Amino acid sequence: MSVTKHSHRAWILVDPVQDYEESLEILGVYGSDRAARYAARAYIRNQPGRDLEAREMRGKDVLRVWVWRWSTRRWSLCDEKTCYHNHAEVEVWQPAAG
């Protein structure tokens, strides 16, 4: 689905691939960043040692990715220096001119 000016933003909570035998697991879809991070707290308590991602999406486009690192125990904005996944899929959404 392509992005339009009426596309809804959603936050997808993801357990990313962390071992060669794993696949990405979507844990939930939320209407705000705050709701996604709040829901992540229960998963973090039940699955210690796992990293998580909260992906801000608009249509099929990934706007931003926030990453929970178990090693640092904090959320950080994902960029080429701090993330392991392919950044070709992460492009900042720009509204059309006019």
Protein backbone atom coordinates (compact mmCIF):
# COMPACT_ATOMS: atom_id res chain seq x y z
CA MET A 1 0.00 0.00 0.00
CA SER A 2 1.46 3.35 -0.95
CA VAL A 3 1.55 6.29 1.45
CA THR A 4 -0.98 9.09 1.13
CA LYS A 5 -1.52 12.22 3.21
CA HIS A 6 -4.34 10.33 4.97
CA SER A 7 -2.24 7.27 5.83
CA HIS A 8 -2.29 6.39 9.50
CA ARG A 9 0.94 6.12 11.47
CA ALA A 10 1.33 2.94 13.48
CA TRP A 11 4.02 1.55 15.76
CA ILE A 12 4.89 -2.10 15.36
CA LEU A 13 6.62 -3.83 18.25
CA VAL A 14 9.06 -6.40 16.87
CA ASP A 15 11.31 -9.08 18.29
CA PRO A 16 14.02 -8.92 15.58
CA VAL A 17 16.19 -11.77 14.36
CA GLN A 18 18.95 -12.30 16.93
CA ASP A 19 20.22 -15.73 15.90
CA TYR A 20 20.62 -17.47 12.55
CA GLU A 21 17.81 -19.93 13.34
CA GLU A 22 15.24 -17.25 14.21
CA SER A 23 12.78 -15.21 12.23
CA LEU A 24 11.33 -11.79 12.95
CA GLU A 25 8.28 -11.88 15.25
CA ILE A 26 5.67 -9.10 15.36
CA LEU A 27 4.53 -8.68 18.97
CA GLY A 28 1.83 -6.07 18.40
CA VAL A 29 0.60 -3.00 16.51
CA TYR A 30 -0.04 0.21 18.46
CA GLY A 31 -1.37 3.70 17.82
CA SER A 32 1.45 5.55 19.57
CA ASP A 33 5.10 5.23 20.47
CA ARG A 34 4.22 5.44 24.15
CA ALA A 35 1.73 2.56 23.91
CA ALA A 36 4.26 0.37 22.05
CA ARG A 37 7.00 1.00 24.61
CA TYR A 38 4.58 0.41 27.49
CA ALA A 39 3.54 -2.94 25.99
CA ALA A 40 7.21 -3.82 25.54
CA ARG A 41 7.73 -3.70 29.31
CA ALA A 42 5.77 -6.93 29.85
CA TYR A 43 7.68 -8.69 27.09
CA ILE A 44 11.01 -7.47 28.51
CA ARG A 45 10.11 -8.88 31.94
CA ASN A 46 9.09 -12.27 30.48
CA GLN A 47 11.93 -12.58 27.95
CA PRO A 48 15.11 -11.22 29.56
CA GLY A 49 18.13 -10.88 27.33
CA ARG A 50 16.17 -10.03 24.16
CA ASP A 51 16.48 -6.84 22.12
CA LEU A 52 13.26 -5.27 20.80
CA GLU A 53 12.35 -2.76 18.09
CA ALA A 54 9.47 -0.29 17.94
CA ARG A 55 9.06 0.63 14.27
CA GLU A 56 7.13 3.77 13.35
CA MET A 57 5.32 3.04 10.08
CA ARG A 58 3.19 5.07 7.68
CA GLY A 59 1.63 2.75 5.15
CA LYS A 60 4.42 0.35 4.20
CA ASP A 61 7.20 2.89 4.85
CA VAL A 62 9.38 2.67 7.95
CA LEU A 63 9.81 6.19 9.35
CA ARG A 64 11.93 5.50 12.44
CA VAL A 65 13.10 2.54 14.45
CA TRP A 66 13.58 2.67 18.23
CA VAL A 67 15.64 -0.17 19.67
CA TRP A 68 15.61 -1.60 23.21
CA ARG A 69 19.06 -3.02 23.93
CA TRP A 70 19.16 -5.49 26.79
CA SER A 71 22.86 -4.76 27.28
CA THR A 72 22.26 -1.03 27.93
CA ARG A 73 18.69 -1.39 29.28
CA ARG A 74 17.44 1.68 27.44
CA TRP A 75 15.71 2.76 24.23
CA SER A 76 17.73 4.46 21.50
CA LEU A 77 16.98 5.71 18.02
CA CYS A 78 18.31 3.32 15.41
CA ASP A 79 20.84 4.50 12.85
CA GLU A 80 23.55 2.91 10.72
CA LYS A 81 26.02 2.89 13.63
CA THR A 82 23.83 1.20 16.24
CA CYS A 83 21.62 -1.25 14.34
CA TYR A 84 22.17 -4.62 12.78
CA HIS A 85 19.45 -4.75 10.12
CA ASN A 86 19.48 -3.53 6.53
CA HIS A 87 19.00 0.25 6.47
CA ALA A 88 17.93 0.33 2.84
CA GLU A 89 14.39 -0.20 4.19
CA VAL A 90 14.54 2.71 6.65
CA GLU A 91 13.91 5.97 4.82
CA VAL A 92 12.50 9.09 6.39
CA TRP A 93 9.03 9.90 5.03
CA GLN A 94 8.68 13.29 3.38
CA PRO A 95 5.22 14.70 2.56
CA ALA A 96 4.65 15.54 -1.09
CA ALA A 97 5.11 19.18 -2.02
CA GLY A 98 1.94 21.11 -2.81
